[in-house]
């Protein structure tokens, strides 16, 4: 789904995503901000990160993931734009 939407993988990769390769969606390095566009052309932040052996919901269990989403939402709420920081 992420590849179809043009959402890039965050480096370092756990494994290369064949759909991303086929869609030519290149991985990105954090920090990530305004790397995509909405249907209306507005700049948005869109990225996904893989976690080795973490299941489907690592954002609740992995400390570095919690730190990333905390900063993402803090920046968003402050109005300074959503940024995904380095882990």
N, C-alpha and C. Protein backbone atom coordinates (compact mmCIF):
# COMPACT_ATOMS: atom_id res chain seq x y z
N UNK A 1 0.82 -1.19 0.00
CA UNK A 1 0.00 0.00 0.00
C UNK A 1 0.87 1.26 0.00
N UNK A 2 1.94 1.24 0.78
CA UNK A 2 2.79 2.42 0.85
C UNK A 2 3.42 2.73 -0.50
N UNK A 3 3.87 1.69 -1.20
CA UNK A 3 4.49 1.91 -2.51
C UNK A 3 3.48 2.50 -3.49
N UNK A 4 2.25 1.99 -3.47
CA UNK A 4 1.21 2.51 -4.38
C UNK A 4 0.91 3.98 -4.11
N UNK A 5 1.02 4.38 -2.84
CA UNK A 5 0.76 5.77 -2.47
C UNK A 5 2.00 6.65 -2.65
N UNK A 6 3.13 6.04 -2.99
CA UNK A 6 4.36 6.80 -3.16
C UNK A 6 5.04 7.15 -1.85
N UNK A 7 4.69 6.45 -0.77
CA UNK A 7 5.28 6.71 0.54
C UNK A 7 6.61 5.96 0.64
N UNK A 8 7.72 6.68 0.83
CA UNK A 8 9.03 6.04 0.84
C UNK A 8 9.33 5.32 2.16
N UNK A 9 10.27 4.39 2.07
CA UNK A 9 10.79 3.71 3.25
C UNK A 9 11.85 4.59 3.89
N UNK A 10 11.91 4.53 5.22
CA UNK A 10 12.93 5.25 5.96
C UNK A 10 14.15 4.35 6.13
N UNK A 11 15.33 4.87 5.84
CA UNK A 11 16.56 4.10 6.02
C UNK A 11 16.96 4.12 7.48
N UNK A 12 17.66 3.11 7.97
CA UNK A 12 18.12 1.92 7.25
C UNK A 12 16.98 0.94 7.04
N UNK A 13 17.01 0.25 5.91
CA UNK A 13 15.97 -0.71 5.57
C UNK A 13 16.21 -2.04 6.28
N UNK A 14 15.12 -2.65 6.74
CA UNK A 14 15.20 -4.01 7.27
C UNK A 14 15.27 -4.96 6.09
N UNK A 15 14.44 -4.69 5.09
CA UNK A 15 14.49 -5.44 3.83
C UNK A 15 13.99 -4.52 2.72
N UNK A 16 14.50 -4.75 1.54
CA UNK A 16 14.08 -3.95 0.39
C UNK A 16 12.68 -4.36 -0.02
N UNK A 17 11.84 -3.39 -0.30
CA UNK A 17 10.47 -3.63 -0.72
C UNK A 17 10.42 -3.69 -2.24
N UNK A 18 10.09 -4.85 -2.79
CA UNK A 18 9.99 -5.00 -4.24
C UNK A 18 8.96 -4.04 -4.83
N UNK A 19 7.77 -3.86 -4.21
CA UNK A 19 6.84 -2.88 -4.77
C UNK A 19 7.44 -1.47 -4.87
N UNK A 20 8.25 -1.09 -3.89
CA UNK A 20 8.90 0.22 -3.94
C UNK A 20 9.90 0.30 -5.09
N UNK A 21 10.64 -0.78 -5.26
CA UNK A 21 11.61 -0.81 -6.37
C UNK A 21 10.88 -0.69 -7.70
N UNK A 22 9.82 -1.47 -7.87
CA UNK A 22 9.07 -1.45 -9.13
C UNK A 22 8.40 -0.09 -9.39
N UNK A 23 7.96 0.57 -8.31
CA UNK A 23 7.31 1.88 -8.44
C UNK A 23 8.32 3.02 -8.45
N UNK A 24 9.62 2.68 -8.31
CA UNK A 24 10.69 3.69 -8.28
C UNK A 24 10.49 4.70 -7.14
N UNK A 25 10.06 4.19 -5.98
CA UNK A 25 9.94 5.02 -4.78
C UNK A 25 11.22 4.81 -3.98
N UNK A 26 12.06 5.82 -3.96
CA UNK A 26 13.40 5.73 -3.39
C UNK A 26 13.36 5.91 -1.87
N UNK A 27 14.12 5.12 -1.11
CA UNK A 27 14.18 5.29 0.35
C UNK A 27 14.73 6.68 0.71
N UNK A 28 14.34 7.15 1.90
CA UNK A 28 14.78 8.47 2.38
C UNK A 28 15.46 8.31 3.74
N UNK A 29 16.24 9.31 4.11
CA UNK A 29 16.94 9.33 5.38
C UNK A 29 16.35 10.43 6.26
N UNK A 30 16.17 10.14 7.53
CA UNK A 30 15.62 11.12 8.48
C UNK A 30 16.66 12.20 8.76
N UNK A 31 16.23 13.40 9.07
CA UNK A 31 14.84 13.80 9.27
C UNK A 31 14.09 13.97 7.95
N UNK A 32 12.79 13.70 8.00
CA UNK A 32 11.94 13.79 6.81
C UNK A 32 10.85 14.83 7.08
N UNK A 33 10.72 15.75 6.13
CA UNK A 33 9.68 16.79 6.24
C UNK A 33 9.25 17.19 4.83
N UNK A 34 7.95 17.28 4.64
CA UNK A 34 7.39 17.77 3.37
C UNK A 34 7.96 17.05 2.15
N UNK A 35 8.02 15.73 2.23
CA UNK A 35 8.62 14.94 1.15
C UNK A 35 7.60 14.44 0.13
N UNK A 36 6.32 14.77 0.34
CA UNK A 36 5.26 14.30 -0.56
C UNK A 36 4.26 15.42 -0.76
N UNK A 37 3.35 15.20 -1.70
CA UNK A 37 2.29 16.18 -1.98
C UNK A 37 0.93 15.52 -1.91
N UNK A 38 -0.04 16.27 -1.40
CA UNK A 38 -1.41 15.78 -1.35
C UNK A 38 -2.04 15.93 -2.73
N UNK A 39 -3.27 15.48 -2.86
CA UNK A 39 -3.99 15.63 -4.14
C UNK A 39 -4.16 17.09 -4.53
N UNK A 40 -4.18 17.98 -3.53
CA UNK A 40 -4.34 19.41 -3.82
C UNK A 40 -3.00 20.11 -4.04
N UNK A 41 -1.91 19.36 -3.88
CA UNK A 41 -0.59 19.95 -4.08
C UNK A 41 0.07 20.43 -2.81
N UNK A 42 -0.64 20.32 -1.67
CA UNK A 42 -0.04 20.74 -0.40
C UNK A 42 1.09 19.79 -0.03
N UNK A 43 2.17 20.33 0.53
CA UNK A 43 3.29 19.51 0.96
C UNK A 43 2.91 18.78 2.26
N UNK A 44 3.22 17.50 2.32
CA UNK A 44 2.94 16.67 3.49
C UNK A 44 4.16 15.79 3.79
N UNK A 45 4.20 15.28 4.99
CA UNK A 45 5.27 14.37 5.38
C UNK A 45 4.72 12.95 5.34
N UNK A 46 5.37 12.09 4.57
CA UNK A 46 4.90 10.72 4.41
C UNK A 46 6.10 9.78 4.33
N UNK A 47 6.17 8.85 5.28
CA UNK A 47 7.29 7.91 5.32
C UNK A 47 6.86 6.72 6.17
N UNK A 48 7.47 5.56 5.89
CA UNK A 48 7.25 4.44 6.81
C UNK A 48 8.57 3.80 7.15
N UNK A 49 8.62 3.27 8.36
CA UNK A 49 9.84 2.67 8.88
C UNK A 49 9.57 1.22 9.22
N UNK A 50 10.51 0.36 8.87
CA UNK A 50 10.40 -1.06 9.21
C UNK A 50 11.16 -1.35 10.50
N UNK A 51 10.69 -2.35 11.23
CA UNK A 51 11.32 -2.78 12.47
C UNK A 51 11.53 -4.28 12.39
N UNK A 52 12.75 -4.73 12.59
CA UNK A 52 13.05 -6.16 12.54
C UNK A 52 12.39 -6.88 13.71
N UNK A 53 11.71 -7.97 13.41
CA UNK A 53 11.12 -8.84 14.43
C UNK A 53 10.23 -8.10 15.41
N UNK A 54 9.47 -7.12 14.93
CA UNK A 54 8.68 -6.31 15.86
C UNK A 54 7.18 -6.47 15.67
N UNK A 55 6.74 -7.30 14.75
CA UNK A 55 5.30 -7.44 14.54
C UNK A 55 4.73 -6.27 13.77
N UNK A 56 3.42 -6.10 13.90
CA UNK A 56 2.72 -5.11 13.09
C UNK A 56 2.60 -3.73 13.76
N UNK A 57 2.75 -3.65 15.07
CA UNK A 57 2.55 -2.38 15.77
C UNK A 57 3.74 -1.97 16.64
N UNK A 58 4.93 -1.85 16.08
CA UNK A 58 6.10 -1.52 16.90
C UNK A 58 6.07 -0.11 17.47
N UNK A 59 5.24 0.77 16.94
CA UNK A 59 5.23 2.14 17.45
C UNK A 59 4.80 2.20 18.91
N UNK A 60 4.18 1.14 19.40
CA UNK A 60 3.76 1.12 20.80
C UNK A 60 4.81 0.50 21.71
N UNK A 61 5.74 -0.28 21.14
CA UNK A 61 6.69 -1.03 21.96
C UNK A 61 8.14 -0.59 21.82
N UNK A 62 8.52 -0.06 20.68
CA UNK A 62 9.92 0.30 20.43
C UNK A 62 10.17 1.74 20.89
N UNK A 63 11.13 1.93 21.80
CA UNK A 63 11.40 3.28 22.32
C UNK A 63 11.78 4.30 21.24
N UNK A 64 12.55 3.89 20.24
CA UNK A 64 12.93 4.85 19.19
C UNK A 64 11.72 5.23 18.34
N UNK A 65 10.80 4.30 18.13
CA UNK A 65 9.58 4.61 17.39
C UNK A 65 8.71 5.58 18.17
N UNK A 66 8.57 5.34 19.46
CA UNK A 66 7.77 6.25 20.30
C UNK A 66 8.37 7.66 20.27
N UNK A 67 9.70 7.74 20.29
CA UNK A 67 10.35 9.05 20.22
C UNK A 67 10.06 9.75 18.91
N UNK A 68 10.06 8.99 17.82
CA UNK A 68 9.79 9.59 16.51
C UNK A 68 8.36 10.10 16.41
N UNK A 69 7.39 9.29 16.81
CA UNK A 69 6.02 9.79 16.66
C UNK A 69 5.70 10.89 17.65
N UNK A 70 6.36 10.88 18.82
CA UNK A 70 6.15 11.97 19.77
C UNK A 70 6.61 13.31 19.17
N UNK A 71 7.82 13.33 18.59
CA UNK A 71 8.33 14.55 17.96
C UNK A 71 7.45 14.94 16.78
N UNK A 72 7.03 13.96 15.96
CA UNK A 72 6.16 14.22 14.82
C UNK A 72 4.91 14.99 15.26
N UNK A 73 4.21 14.48 16.28
CA UNK A 73 2.97 15.13 16.71
C UNK A 73 3.23 16.43 17.46
N UNK A 74 4.31 16.53 18.22
CA UNK A 74 4.64 17.80 18.88
C UNK A 74 4.86 18.90 17.86
N UNK A 75 5.63 18.61 16.82
CA UNK A 75 5.87 19.60 15.76
C UNK A 75 4.58 19.97 15.04
N UNK A 76 3.78 18.98 14.76
CA UNK A 76 2.50 19.20 14.07
C UNK A 76 1.60 20.11 14.90
N UNK A 77 1.49 19.83 16.20
CA UNK A 77 0.63 20.63 17.07
C UNK A 77 1.16 22.05 17.27
N UNK A 78 2.46 22.23 17.19
CA UNK A 78 3.06 23.57 17.32
C UNK A 78 2.91 24.40 16.06
N UNK A 79 2.49 23.74 14.97
CA UNK A 79 2.30 24.45 13.73
C UNK A 79 3.58 24.64 12.94
N UNK A 80 4.64 23.95 13.35
CA UNK A 80 5.92 24.12 12.65
C UNK A 80 6.13 23.07 11.57
N UNK A 81 5.11 22.32 11.26
CA UNK A 81 5.21 21.30 10.22
C UNK A 81 5.62 19.97 10.79
N UNK A 82 5.07 18.93 10.23
CA UNK A 82 5.36 17.58 10.71
C UNK A 82 6.72 17.12 10.22
N UNK A 83 7.54 16.66 11.14
CA UNK A 83 8.86 16.13 10.79
C UNK A 83 9.04 14.78 11.46
N UNK A 84 9.60 13.84 10.73
CA UNK A 84 9.98 12.55 11.31
C UNK A 84 11.48 12.62 11.56
N UNK A 85 11.87 12.64 12.84
CA UNK A 85 13.30 12.77 13.16
C UNK A 85 14.03 11.44 12.98
N UNK A 86 15.34 11.50 13.06
CA UNK A 86 16.13 10.28 13.05
C UNK A 86 15.83 9.49 14.31
N UNK A 87 15.89 8.15 14.22
CA UNK A 87 15.63 7.34 15.42
C UNK A 87 16.68 7.56 16.49
